[in-house]
Amino acid sequence: MEKNKSSREIVTKRITEMILTGQLKPDDQLPPERKLAESMGISRNLCADIIKELEKKGLLVVVPRQGVFVNDFRKNGNIHTLEALMKADFELQPKEIASIVEYKWGIETLTCKRVIQNASDEEIARLGKFLDNILEADSPKKAALCAYDYYHELAVLSGNTIVPMLTAGFKKVTVGLWTRYAQNYGTQQLYKSLAEVYFYINKRDFDGAIRQISQSTTDTISGDYSIYKQFPH
């Protein structure tokens, strides 16, 4: 068992990971409760509690007198499913990664528009200082954390009270993706991808910012800087 984690946490994470990574497919049936408990090395009562928890998260469906099945979380998920995705510290499926990048595009479009319209020159200048911190980072992970700080500050400056919460909710996944991006393409490229948008924010050119956000999103999903590419390090 993993150090400092309870059996409940470990087994819950294991099943969650198997579902969110596609190892278990929608409508797949889990083994009977007794066999599942034995295979996981836990008690049957604890197994039943975990199944209830994962059902609440929208990952499992319990059908009376038939068994426990994997839920189609993309179609039938709920806020708890989204929370599980937000907290994922394992490799998500490409479809979820693309969806997160597209979500970022939508949120960044909103935040840029509001910042360009409402933020003061001083606030926009301060935002640029967050961006500059990326260049001073001495590792891909630290660069990704600096990129997150910039992105979160952009959300705060938008004046929308919900967007910073959503941004913070996706911090773990976002930092993970940006870390991989910096590992694959370098810290300078991570900085450049954000600085090109900031250039238009600083000019208060919303159309230019939108064009750049759209281009960056396309590059990240399927272009020259695809987040899916894996390189040896």
C-alpha atoms as a PDB file:
ATOM      1  CA  MET A   1       0.000   0.000   0.000  1.00  0.00           C
ATOM      2  CA  GLU A   2       1.171   3.556  -0.744  1.00  0.00           C
ATOM      3  CA  LYS A   3       2.879   5.305   2.129  1.00  0.00           C
ATOM      4  CA  ASN A   4       0.736   7.566   4.335  1.00  0.00           C
ATOM      5  CA  LYS A   5      -2.478   6.754   2.454  1.00  0.00           C
ATOM      6  CA  SER A   6      -5.398   4.720   3.734  1.00  0.00           C
ATOM      7  CA  SER A   7      -6.692   1.619   1.967  1.00  0.00           C
ATOM      8  CA  ARG A   8      -9.838   3.580   1.076  1.00  0.00           C
ATOM      9  CA  GLU A   9      -7.823   6.351  -0.621  1.00  0.00           C
ATOM     10  CA  ILE A  10      -5.611   3.934  -2.519  1.00  0.00           C
ATOM     11  CA  VAL A  11      -8.400   1.708  -3.843  1.00  0.00           C
ATOM     12  CA  THR A  12     -10.652   4.678  -4.667  1.00  0.00           C
ATOM     13  CA  LYS A  13      -7.839   6.311  -6.629  1.00  0.00           C
ATOM     14  CA  ARG A  14      -6.981   3.043  -8.392  1.00  0.00           C
ATOM     15  CA  ILE A  15     -10.514   2.484  -9.667  1.00  0.00           C
ATOM     16  CA  THR A  16     -10.939   6.180 -10.511  1.00  0.00           C
ATOM     17  CA  GLU A  17      -7.728   6.113 -12.539  1.00  0.00           C
ATOM     18  CA  MET A  18      -8.783   2.962 -14.388  1.00  0.00           C
ATOM     19  CA  ILE A  19     -12.055   4.630 -15.401  1.00  0.00           C
ATOM     20  CA  LEU A  20     -10.716   8.085 -16.306  1.00  0.00           C
ATOM     21  CA  THR A  21      -7.800   6.642 -18.306  1.00  0.00           C
ATOM     22  CA  GLY A  22     -10.045   4.271 -20.254  1.00  0.00           C
ATOM     23  CA  GLN A  23      -8.720   1.021 -18.818  1.00  0.00           C
ATOM     24  CA  LEU A  24     -12.314   0.390 -17.770  1.00  0.00           C
ATOM     25  CA  LYS A  25     -14.845   1.290 -20.456  1.00  0.00           C
ATOM     26  CA  PRO A  26     -18.448   2.515 -20.113  1.00  0.00           C
ATOM     27  CA  ASP A  27     -20.804  -0.379 -19.336  1.00  0.00           C
ATOM     28  CA  ASP A  28     -17.959  -2.672 -18.244  1.00  0.00           C
ATOM     29  CA  GLN A  29     -19.142  -4.743 -15.288  1.00  0.00           C
ATOM     30  CA  LEU A  30     -17.009  -4.932 -12.161  1.00  0.00           C
ATOM     31  CA  PRO A  31     -16.490  -8.275 -10.438  1.00  0.00           C
ATOM     32  CA  PRO A  32     -18.957  -9.205  -7.683  1.00  0.00           C
ATOM     33  CA  GLU A  33     -18.357  -7.239  -4.505  1.00  0.00           C
ATOM     34  CA  ARG A  34     -16.753 -10.142  -2.653  1.00  0.00           C
ATOM     35  CA  LYS A  35     -14.292 -10.897  -5.459  1.00  0.00           C
ATOM     36  CA  LEU A  36     -13.521  -7.214  -5.969  1.00  0.00           C
ATOM     37  CA  ALA A  37     -12.774  -6.808  -2.261  1.00  0.00           C
ATOM     38  CA  GLU A  38     -10.468  -9.838  -2.300  1.00  0.00           C
ATOM     39  CA  SER A  39      -8.603  -8.621  -5.380  1.00  0.00           C
ATOM     40  CA  MET A  40      -8.060  -5.200  -3.802  1.00  0.00           C
ATOM     41  CA  GLY A  41      -7.067  -6.599  -0.412  1.00  0.00           C
ATOM     42  CA  ILE A  42      -9.810  -4.822   1.512  1.00  0.00           C
ATOM     43  CA  SER A  43     -12.878  -5.799   3.502  1.00  0.00           C
ATOM     44  CA  ARG A  44     -16.220  -6.280   1.809  1.00  0.00           C
ATOM     45  CA  ASN A  45     -17.762  -3.465   3.873  1.00  0.00           C
ATOM     46  CA  LEU A  46     -15.057  -1.048   2.777  1.00  0.00           C
ATOM     47  CA  CYS A  47     -15.506  -2.178  -0.818  1.00  0.00           C
ATOM     48  CA  ALA A  48     -19.224  -1.406  -0.600  1.00  0.00           C
ATOM     49  CA  ASP A  49     -18.481   2.069   0.776  1.00  0.00           C
ATOM     50  CA  ILE A  50     -16.033   2.781  -2.053  1.00  0.00           C
ATOM     51  CA  ILE A  51     -18.566   1.688  -4.658  1.00  0.00           C
ATOM     52  CA  LYS A  52     -21.116   4.090  -3.137  1.00  0.00           C
ATOM     53  CA  GLU A  53     -18.551   6.896  -3.200  1.00  0.00           C
ATOM     54  CA  LEU A  54     -17.653   6.266  -6.844  1.00  0.00           C
ATOM     55  CA  GLU A  55     -21.330   6.076  -7.754  1.00  0.00           C
ATOM     56  CA  LYS A  56     -21.803   9.505  -6.176  1.00  0.00           C
ATOM     57  CA  LYS A  57     -18.869  10.763  -8.261  1.00  0.00           C
ATOM     58  CA  GLY A  58     -20.621   9.629 -11.435  1.00  0.00           C
ATOM     59  CA  LEU A  59     -18.031   6.963 -12.221  1.00  0.00           C
ATOM     60  CA  LEU A  60     -20.028   3.819 -11.382  1.00  0.00           C
ATOM     61  CA  VAL A  61     -23.648   2.756 -11.687  1.00  0.00           C
ATOM     62  CA  VAL A  62     -25.208   0.197  -9.342  1.00  0.00           C
ATOM     63  CA  VAL A  63     -28.019  -1.769 -10.994  1.00  0.00           C
ATOM     64  CA  PRO A  64     -30.088  -3.771  -8.464  1.00  0.00           C
ATOM     65  CA  ARG A  65     -29.834  -7.567  -8.917  1.00  0.00           C
ATOM     66  CA  GLN A  66     -27.467  -7.086 -11.873  1.00  0.00           C
ATOM     67  CA  GLY A  67     -24.252  -5.619 -10.526  1.00  0.00           C
ATOM     68  CA  VAL A  68     -21.917  -2.617 -10.669  1.00  0.00           C
ATOM     69  CA  PHE A  69     -21.101  -1.059 -14.028  1.00  0.00           C
ATOM     70  CA  VAL A  70     -18.781   1.665 -15.262  1.00  0.00           C
ATOM     71  CA  ASN A  71     -20.716   4.839 -15.955  1.00  0.00           C
ATOM     72  CA  ASP A  72     -20.289   6.815 -19.166  1.00  0.00           C
ATOM     73  CA  PHE A  73     -18.856   9.789 -17.278  1.00  0.00           C
ATOM     74  CA  ARG A  74     -18.518  11.920 -20.408  1.00  0.00           C
ATOM     75  CA  LYS A  75     -22.275  11.751 -20.891  1.00  0.00           C
ATOM     76  CA  ASN A  76     -23.608  11.271 -17.379  1.00  0.00           C
ATOM     77  CA  GLY A  77     -20.921  12.790 -15.144  1.00  0.00           C
ATOM     78  CA  ASN A  78     -21.612  15.416 -12.506  1.00  0.00           C
ATOM     79  CA  ILE A  79     -19.777  18.082 -10.518  1.00  0.00           C
ATOM     80  CA  HIS A  80     -18.036  15.338  -8.516  1.00  0.00           C
ATOM     81  CA  THR A  81     -16.778  13.753 -11.761  1.00  0.00           C
ATOM     82  CA  LEU A  82     -15.358  17.118 -12.770  1.00  0.00           C
ATOM     83  CA  GLU A  83     -13.673  17.364  -9.383  1.00  0.00           C
ATOM     84  CA  ALA A  84     -12.063  13.946  -9.937  1.00  0.00           C
ATOM     85  CA  LEU A  85     -10.714  15.170 -13.287  1.00  0.00           C
ATOM     86  CA  MET A  86      -9.422  18.352 -11.655  1.00  0.00           C
ATOM     87  CA  LYS A  87      -7.509  16.380  -9.044  1.00  0.00           C
ATOM     88  CA  ALA A  88      -6.088  13.787 -11.433  1.00  0.00           C
ATOM     89  CA  ASP A  89      -2.350  13.226 -10.966  1.00  0.00           C
ATOM     90  CA  PHE A  90      -2.183  10.592 -13.713  1.00  0.00           C
ATOM     91  CA  GLU A  91      -2.258  10.724 -17.513  1.00  0.00           C
ATOM     92  CA  LEU A  92      -5.740  11.561 -18.752  1.00  0.00           C
ATOM     93  CA  GLN A  93      -7.116  10.388 -22.083  1.00  0.00           C
ATOM     94  CA  PRO A  94      -6.451  12.612 -25.129  1.00  0.00           C
ATOM     95  CA  LYS A  95     -10.129  13.551 -25.347  1.00  0.00           C
ATOM     96  CA  GLU A  96     -10.098  14.923 -21.793  1.00  0.00           C
ATOM     97  CA  ILE A  97      -6.814  16.758 -22.408  1.00  0.00           C
ATOM     98  CA  ALA A  98      -8.233  18.355 -25.569  1.00  0.00           C
ATOM     99  CA  SER A  99     -11.393  19.301 -23.683  1.00  0.00           C
ATOM    100  CA  ILE A 100      -9.358  20.982 -20.941  1.00  0.00           C
ATOM    101  CA  VAL A 101      -7.328  22.929 -23.529  1.00  0.00           C
ATOM    102  CA  GLU A 102     -10.559  23.988 -25.277  1.00  0.00           C
ATOM    103  CA  TYR A 103     -12.042  24.990 -21.909  1.00  0.00           C
ATOM    104  CA  LYS A 104      -8.922  27.102 -21.323  1.00  0.00           C
ATOM    105  CA  TRP A 105      -9.502  28.753 -24.714  1.00  0.00           C
ATOM    106  CA  GLY A 106     -13.048  29.718 -23.747  1.00  0.00           C
ATOM    107  CA  ILE A 107     -12.075  31.024 -20.304  1.00  0.00           C
ATOM    108  CA  GLU A 108      -9.051  32.909 -21.650  1.00  0.00           C
ATOM    109  CA  THR A 109     -11.238  34.566 -24.278  1.00  0.00           C
ATOM    110  CA  LEU A 110     -13.597  35.805 -21.569  1.00  0.00           C
ATOM    111  CA  THR A 111     -10.846  36.942 -19.215  1.00  0.00           C
ATOM    112  CA  CYS A 112      -8.876  38.745 -21.934  1.00  0.00           C
ATOM    113  CA  LYS A 113     -11.963  40.638 -23.058  1.00  0.00           C
ATOM    114  CA  ARG A 114     -12.789  41.778 -19.522  1.00  0.00           C
ATOM    115  CA  VAL A 115      -9.179  42.667 -18.668  1.00  0.00           C
ATOM    116  CA  ILE A 116      -8.765  44.684 -21.879  1.00  0.00           C
ATOM    117  CA  GLN A 117     -12.026  46.515 -21.173  1.00  0.00           C
ATOM    118  CA  ASN A 118     -11.729  47.077 -17.432  1.00  0.00           C
ATOM    119  CA  ALA A 119      -8.202  46.631 -16.036  1.00  0.00           C
ATOM    120  CA  SER A 120      -6.025  49.656 -15.399  1.00  0.00           C
ATOM    121  CA  ASP A 121      -2.688  50.185 -17.119  1.00  0.00           C
ATOM    122  CA  GLU A 122      -0.973  49.490 -13.785  1.00  0.00           C
ATOM    123  CA  GLU A 123      -2.798  46.180 -13.374  1.00  0.00           C
ATOM    124  CA  ILE A 124      -1.875  45.072 -16.895  1.00  0.00           C
ATOM    125  CA  ALA A 125       1.758  46.041 -16.276  1.00  0.00           C
ATOM    126  CA  ARG A 126       1.752  43.979 -13.072  1.00  0.00           C
ATOM    127  CA  LEU A 127       0.342  41.037 -15.012  1.00  0.00           C
ATOM    128  CA  GLY A 128       3.386  41.213 -17.277  1.00  0.00           C
ATOM    129  CA  LYS A 129       5.683  40.807 -14.270  1.00  0.00           C
ATOM    130  CA  PHE A 130       3.982  37.485 -13.475  1.00  0.00           C
ATOM    131  CA  LEU A 131       4.758  36.446 -17.033  1.00  0.00           C
ATOM    132  CA  ASP A 132       8.432  37.420 -16.732  1.00  0.00           C
ATOM    133  CA  ASN A 133       8.841  35.053 -13.786  1.00  0.00           C
ATOM    134  CA  ILE A 134       8.618  32.128 -16.224  1.00  0.00           C
ATOM    135  CA  LEU A 135      11.984  33.084 -17.707  1.00  0.00           C
ATOM    136  CA  GLU A 136      13.634  32.985 -14.272  1.00  0.00           C
ATOM    137  CA  ALA A 137      12.414  29.451 -13.481  1.00  0.00           C
ATOM    138  CA  ASP A 138      15.163  26.827 -13.278  1.00  0.00           C
ATOM    139  CA  SER A 139      13.002  23.790 -14.124  1.00  0.00           C
ATOM    140  CA  PRO A 140       9.993  22.932 -16.310  1.00  0.00           C
ATOM    141  CA  LYS A 141       7.850  22.377 -13.195  1.00  0.00           C
ATOM    142  CA  LYS A 142       8.733  25.787 -11.747  1.00  0.00           C
ATOM    143  CA  ALA A 143       8.114  27.421 -15.120  1.00  0.00           C
ATOM    144  CA  ALA A 144       4.691  25.745 -15.250  1.00  0.00           C
ATOM    145  CA  LEU A 145       3.879  27.028 -11.750  1.00  0.00           C
ATOM    146  CA  CYS A 146       4.845  30.556 -12.817  1.00  0.00           C
ATOM    147  CA  ALA A 147       2.643  30.189 -15.904  1.00  0.00           C
ATOM    148  CA  TYR A 148      -0.222  29.152 -13.635  1.00  0.00           C
ATOM    149  CA  ASP A 149       0.347  32.221 -11.406  1.00  0.00           C
ATOM    150  CA  TYR A 150       0.130  34.431 -14.508  1.00  0.00           C
ATOM    151  CA  TYR A 151      -3.009  32.700 -15.728  1.00  0.00           C
ATOM    152  CA  HIS A 152      -4.661  32.920 -12.293  1.00  0.00           C
ATOM    153  CA  GLU A 153      -3.832  36.631 -12.011  1.00  0.00           C
ATOM    154  CA  LEU A 154      -5.407  37.136 -15.439  1.00  0.00           C
ATOM    155  CA  ALA A 155      -8.538  35.424 -14.114  1.00  0.00           C
ATOM    156  CA  VAL A 156      -8.571  37.646 -11.010  1.00  0.00           C
ATOM    157  CA  LEU A 157      -8.180  40.824 -13.075  1.00  0.00           C
ATOM    158  CA  SER A 158     -11.179  39.800 -15.195  1.00  0.00           C
ATOM    159  CA  GLY A 159     -13.438  40.745 -12.302  1.00  0.00           C
ATOM    160  CA  ASN A 160     -15.477  37.562 -12.756  1.00  0.00           C
ATOM    161  CA  THR A 161     -15.710  36.002  -9.297  1.00  0.00           C
ATOM    162  CA  ILE A 162     -16.159  32.398 -10.506  1.00  0.00           C
ATOM    163  CA  VAL A 163     -13.347  32.171 -13.061  1.00  0.00           C
ATOM    164  CA  PRO A 164     -10.490  32.323 -10.478  1.00  0.00           C
ATOM    165  CA  MET A 165     -12.137  29.443  -8.582  1.00  0.00           C
ATOM    166  CA  LEU A 166     -12.402  27.339 -11.745  1.00  0.00           C
ATOM    167  CA  THR A 167      -8.806  28.189 -12.616  1.00  0.00           C
ATOM    168  CA  ALA A 168      -7.640  27.129  -9.153  1.00  0.00           C
ATOM    169  CA  GLY A 169      -9.697  23.951  -9.400  1.00  0.00           C
ATOM    170  CA  PHE A 170      -7.805  22.887 -12.506  1.00  0.00           C
ATOM    171  CA  LYS A 171      -4.401  23.869 -11.092  1.00  0.00           C
ATOM    172  CA  LYS A 172      -3.007  20.338 -10.743  1.00  0.00           C
ATOM    173  CA  VAL A 173      -3.988  19.280 -14.272  1.00  0.00           C
ATOM    174  CA  THR A 174      -2.980  22.611 -15.823  1.00  0.00           C
ATOM    175  CA  VAL A 175       0.442  22.645 -14.164  1.00  0.00           C
ATOM    176  CA  GLY A 176       0.966  19.042 -15.259  1.00  0.00           C
ATOM    177  CA  LEU A 177       0.212  19.877 -18.897  1.00  0.00           C
ATOM    178  CA  TRP A 178       2.367  23.005 -18.865  1.00  0.00           C
ATOM    179  CA  THR A 179       5.213  21.053 -17.261  1.00  0.00           C
ATOM    180  CA  ARG A 180       5.092  18.543 -20.109  1.00  0.00           C
ATOM    181  CA  TYR A 181       4.915  21.392 -22.626  1.00  0.00           C
ATOM    182  CA  ALA A 182       8.028  23.010 -21.124  1.00  0.00           C
ATOM    183  CA  GLN A 183       9.845  19.662 -21.042  1.00  0.00           C
ATOM    184  CA  ASN A 184       9.064  19.002 -24.694  1.00  0.00           C
ATOM    185  CA  TYR A 185       9.547  22.467 -26.163  1.00  0.00           C
ATOM    186  CA  GLY A 186      11.477  24.457 -23.561  1.00  0.00           C
ATOM    187  CA  THR A 187      10.685  27.159 -21.020  1.00  0.00           C
ATOM    188  CA  GLN A 188      11.259  29.865 -23.643  1.00  0.00           C
ATOM    189  CA  GLN A 189       8.479  28.440 -25.830  1.00  0.00           C
ATOM    190  CA  LEU A 190       6.097  28.267 -22.876  1.00  0.00           C
ATOM    191  CA  TYR A 191       6.858  31.919 -22.163  1.00  0.00           C
ATOM    192  CA  LYS A 192       6.458  32.841 -25.838  1.00  0.00           C
ATOM    193  CA  SER A 193       3.051  31.150 -26.137  1.00  0.00           C
ATOM    194  CA  LEU A 194       1.696  33.283 -23.280  1.00  0.00           C
ATOM    195  CA  ALA A 195       3.653  36.454 -24.084  1.00  0.00           C
ATOM    196  CA  GLU A 196       2.202  36.607 -27.589  1.00  0.00           C
ATOM    197  CA  VAL A 197      -1.283  36.893 -26.094  1.00  0.00           C
ATOM    198  CA  TYR A 198      -0.124  39.357 -23.435  1.00  0.00           C
ATOM    199  CA  PHE A 199       1.292  41.578 -26.204  1.00  0.00           C
ATOM    200  CA  TYR A 200      -2.249  42.159 -27.483  1.00  0.00           C
ATOM    201  CA  ILE A 201      -3.676  42.519 -23.985  1.00  0.00           C
ATOM    202  CA  ASN A 202      -1.145  45.260 -23.309  1.00  0.00           C
ATOM    203  CA  LYS A 203      -2.189  46.970 -26.561  1.00  0.00           C
ATOM    204  CA  ARG A 204      -5.855  46.465 -25.595  1.00  0.00           C
ATOM    205  CA  ASP A 205      -6.372  44.717 -28.914  1.00  0.00           C
ATOM    206  CA  PHE A 206      -9.068  42.122 -28.259  1.00  0.00           C
ATOM    207  CA  ASP A 207      -9.257  40.851 -31.842  1.00  0.00           C
ATOM    208  CA  GLY A 208      -5.499  40.285 -31.906  1.00  0.00           C
ATOM    209  CA  ALA A 209      -5.632  38.480 -28.568  1.00  0.00           C
ATOM    210  CA  ILE A 210      -8.409  36.188 -29.788  1.00  0.00           C
ATOM    211  CA  ARG A 211      -6.497  35.309 -32.960  1.00  0.00           C
ATOM    212  CA  GLN A 212      -3.436  34.452 -30.917  1.00  0.00           C
ATOM    213  CA  ILE A 213      -5.377  32.405 -28.340  1.00  0.00           C
ATOM    214  CA  SER A 214      -7.047  30.449 -31.148  1.00  0.00           C
ATOM    215  CA  GLN A 215      -3.709  29.780 -32.869  1.00  0.00           C
ATOM    216  CA  SER A 216      -2.073  28.702 -29.611  1.00  0.00           C
ATOM    217  CA  THR A 217      -4.979  26.369 -28.829  1.00  0.00           C
ATOM    218  CA  THR A 218      -4.770  24.755 -32.275  1.00  0.00           C
ATOM    219  CA  ASP A 219      -0.988  24.342 -31.947  1.00  0.00           C
ATOM    220  CA  THR A 220      -1.377  22.750 -28.519  1.00  0.00           C
ATOM    221  CA  ILE A 221      -4.047  20.261 -29.583  1.00  0.00           C
ATOM    222  CA  SER A 222      -2.889  19.243 -33.056  1.00  0.00           C
ATOM    223  CA  GLY A 223      -0.148  21.557 -34.301  1.00  0.00           C
ATOM    224  CA  ASP A 224       3.598  21.960 -34.029  1.00  0.00           C
ATOM    225  CA  TYR A 225       3.466  22.178 -30.231  1.00  0.00           C
ATOM    226  CA  SER A 226       1.035  19.364 -29.553  1.00  0.00           C
ATOM    227  CA  ILE A 227       0.705  18.508 -25.878  1.00  0.00           C
ATOM    228  CA  TYR A 228       0.353  14.820 -26.816  1.00  0.00           C
ATOM    229  CA  LYS A 229       3.859  14.428 -28.205  1.00  0.00           C
ATOM    230  CA  GLN A 230       6.241  12.577 -25.917  1.00  0.00           C
ATOM    231  CA  PHE A 231       9.989  13.140 -26.073  1.00  0.00           C
ATOM    232  CA  PRO A 232      12.810  11.460 -24.167  1.00  0.00           C
ATOM    233  CA  HIS A 233      14.368  13.600 -21.427  1.00  0.00           C
END
